[in-house]
Amino acid sequence: MTDVTTADILAVQQLVAEYAFRNDHGQADRLHELVTEDYRSTGPMGEMVGREALAAWGAKRVQVPAQVRHVLSNVRVFRDEAGALASTSYYVAFRDSGANPASPASMGEYHDTYAEVDGVLHLASRTVLPVFADPSAPRPNVAGGKP
């Protein structure tokens, strides 16, 4: 199994941060640029498969005025059993759709895998595992997401 390099760690941290930034700052329609063609995301809003599915979701998300901010920490980068680059990280999400936007809407973990495409690191999969959630902070209804 190959060791994780400092360059791997920095690339993963940058990619995770860029994904959150685009999602939080009205650029969700550009998230698909950061993922592989066969990207798969699973979590509370269901499953999304493929870059095109994320592009469609992102195009709808930028039309919804609701604000969200993700705070990320504890990014742990490693090689999985197959030797692929992977990470876990913690997220705290704040949404203006809740009773108190200054209180977290949810907190949990991202379990991500990565693949290089033309020498550039991309997200290959993301599993969102909520640990704590505030039921008074509903998600914006975007592309089949739960209201």
Protein backbone atom coordinates (compact mmCIF):
# COMPACT_ATOMS: atom_id res chain seq x y z
CA MET A 1 0.00 0.00 0.00
CA THR A 2 1.27 3.49 -0.88
CA ASP A 3 1.80 6.04 1.85
CA VAL A 4 -0.06 9.32 1.91
CA THR A 5 2.15 12.26 0.97
CA THR A 6 2.02 15.86 2.12
CA ALA A 7 0.95 16.74 -1.43
CA ASP A 8 -1.97 14.27 -1.13
CA ILE A 9 -3.08 15.84 2.15
CA LEU A 10 -2.93 19.37 0.78
CA ALA A 11 -4.79 18.38 -2.41
CA VAL A 12 -7.57 16.72 -0.41
CA GLN A 13 -7.88 19.66 1.99
CA GLN A 14 -8.05 22.11 -0.92
CA LEU A 15 -10.67 20.04 -2.77
CA VAL A 16 -12.89 19.60 0.31
CA ALA A 17 -12.67 23.33 1.05
CA GLU A 18 -13.37 24.33 -2.57
CA TYR A 19 -16.45 22.07 -2.69
CA ALA A 20 -17.84 23.69 0.47
CA PHE A 21 -17.00 27.21 -0.74
CA ARG A 22 -18.78 26.73 -4.06
CA ASN A 23 -21.81 25.20 -2.35
CA ASP A 24 -21.98 28.06 0.18
CA HIS A 25 -21.31 31.00 -2.15
CA GLY A 26 -23.76 30.66 -5.00
CA GLN A 27 -21.55 28.46 -7.16
CA ALA A 28 -23.28 25.09 -6.68
CA ASP A 29 -23.70 25.03 -10.46
CA ARG A 30 -19.90 24.53 -10.64
CA LEU A 31 -19.62 21.65 -8.14
CA HIS A 32 -19.69 19.08 -10.93
CA GLU A 33 -16.30 20.39 -12.10
CA LEU A 34 -14.77 18.90 -8.93
CA VAL A 35 -16.04 15.33 -9.31
CA THR A 36 -15.44 12.27 -11.49
CA GLU A 37 -17.86 11.26 -14.25
CA ASP A 38 -19.14 8.36 -12.10
CA TYR A 39 -19.30 10.37 -8.85
CA ARG A 40 -21.68 8.96 -6.25
CA SER A 41 -23.09 10.86 -3.27
CA THR A 42 -25.29 9.35 -0.57
CA GLY A 43 -26.80 10.92 2.50
CA PRO A 44 -29.94 12.40 4.04
CA MET A 45 -31.06 13.92 0.73
CA GLY A 46 -30.84 10.57 -1.03
CA GLU A 47 -28.41 9.29 -3.64
CA MET A 48 -26.93 11.15 -6.57
CA VAL A 49 -25.03 9.27 -9.26
CA GLY A 50 -22.86 10.86 -11.92
CA ARG A 51 -21.39 14.24 -12.70
CA GLU A 52 -24.47 15.19 -14.73
CA ALA A 53 -26.76 14.55 -11.73
CA LEU A 54 -24.65 16.88 -9.60
CA ALA A 55 -24.66 19.49 -12.37
CA ALA A 56 -28.47 19.36 -12.53
CA TRP A 57 -28.74 19.63 -8.74
CA GLY A 58 -26.30 22.55 -8.66
CA ALA A 59 -28.19 24.41 -11.40
CA LYS A 60 -31.36 24.19 -9.31
CA ARG A 61 -29.58 25.01 -6.04
CA VAL A 62 -28.32 28.39 -7.29
CA GLN A 63 -31.95 29.33 -7.98
CA VAL A 64 -32.92 28.85 -4.30
CA PRO A 65 -32.14 31.93 -2.19
CA ALA A 66 -31.62 30.00 1.07
CA GLN A 67 -28.16 30.45 2.56
CA VAL A 68 -25.99 27.73 4.03
CA ARG A 69 -22.49 27.70 5.47
CA HIS A 70 -20.37 24.63 6.10
CA VAL A 71 -17.58 24.61 8.67
CA LEU A 72 -15.13 21.77 8.08
CA SER A 73 -12.50 20.26 10.35
CA ASN A 74 -10.57 17.13 11.30
CA VAL A 75 -9.72 16.20 7.73
CA ARG A 76 -8.07 12.79 7.99
CA VAL A 77 -6.43 11.57 4.77
CA PHE A 78 -5.51 7.93 4.25
CA ARG A 79 -5.40 5.09 1.76
CA ASP A 80 -8.36 2.71 1.85
CA GLU A 81 -8.09 -1.09 1.68
CA ALA A 82 -7.76 -0.94 -2.11
CA GLY A 83 -5.04 1.71 -1.91
CA ALA A 84 -7.24 4.58 -3.10
CA LEU A 85 -6.93 8.01 -1.55
CA ALA A 86 -9.74 8.65 0.94
CA SER A 87 -10.66 11.02 3.77
CA THR A 88 -13.02 11.59 6.63
CA SER A 89 -13.88 15.07 7.84
CA TYR A 90 -16.34 16.69 10.21
CA TYR A 91 -18.87 19.26 9.03
CA VAL A 92 -21.14 21.68 10.84
CA ALA A 93 -23.86 23.20 8.64
CA PHE A 94 -25.70 26.44 9.38
CA ARG A 95 -28.86 27.31 7.40
CA ASP A 96 -30.97 30.43 7.36
CA SER A 97 -34.09 28.27 7.01
CA GLY A 98 -34.08 27.26 10.69
CA ALA A 99 -35.62 28.94 13.70
CA ASN A 100 -32.18 30.20 14.70
CA PRO A 101 -29.68 30.44 11.82
CA ALA A 102 -26.82 30.92 14.30
CA SER A 103 -27.43 27.40 15.69
CA PRO A 104 -26.14 24.48 13.67
CA ALA A 105 -28.69 22.75 11.46
CA SER A 106 -26.61 19.58 11.49
CA MET A 107 -23.23 18.14 12.36
CA GLY A 108 -21.69 15.00 11.01
CA GLU A 109 -19.01 13.40 8.89
CA TYR A 110 -18.08 13.26 5.23
CA HIS A 111 -16.51 10.01 4.05
CA ASP A 112 -14.90 10.78 0.69
CA THR A 113 -12.88 8.94 -1.93
CA TYR A 114 -10.80 10.50 -4.68
CA ALA A 115 -9.46 9.76 -8.13
CA GLU A 116 -7.09 11.61 -10.41
CA VAL A 117 -8.49 12.75 -13.75
CA ASP A 118 -5.89 14.09 -16.17
CA GLY A 119 -3.51 14.65 -13.26
CA VAL A 120 -6.05 16.59 -11.16
CA LEU A 121 -7.61 15.22 -7.98
CA HIS A 122 -11.42 14.87 -8.07
CA LEU A 123 -14.03 13.61 -5.64
CA ALA A 124 -15.12 10.10 -6.64
CA SER A 125 -17.66 9.57 -3.86
CA ARG A 126 -19.09 11.23 -0.79
CA THR A 127 -21.12 9.66 1.99
CA VAL A 128 -22.75 12.16 4.34
CA LEU A 129 -23.27 10.75 7.83
CA PRO A 130 -25.19 13.15 10.09
CA VAL A 131 -24.51 12.73 13.81
CA PHE A 132 -26.65 15.57 15.16
CA ALA A 133 -29.47 17.42 13.37
CA ASP A 134 -31.88 20.21 14.21
CA PRO A 135 -35.32 19.28 12.86
CA SER A 136 -36.37 22.96 12.91
CA ALA A 137 -33.80 23.72 10.18
CA PRO A 138 -35.28 22.20 7.01
CA ARG A 139 -33.22 21.89 3.85
CA PRO A 140 -34.16 23.96 0.81
CA ASN A 141 -36.22 21.86 -1.60
CA VAL A 142 -33.74 21.42 -4.44
CA ALA A 143 -33.89 18.67 -7.05
CA GLY A 144 -35.85 16.24 -4.97
CA GLY A 145 -34.21 17.16 -1.69
CA LYS A 146 -36.26 16.80 1.46
CA PRO A 147 -37.98 20.08 2.36
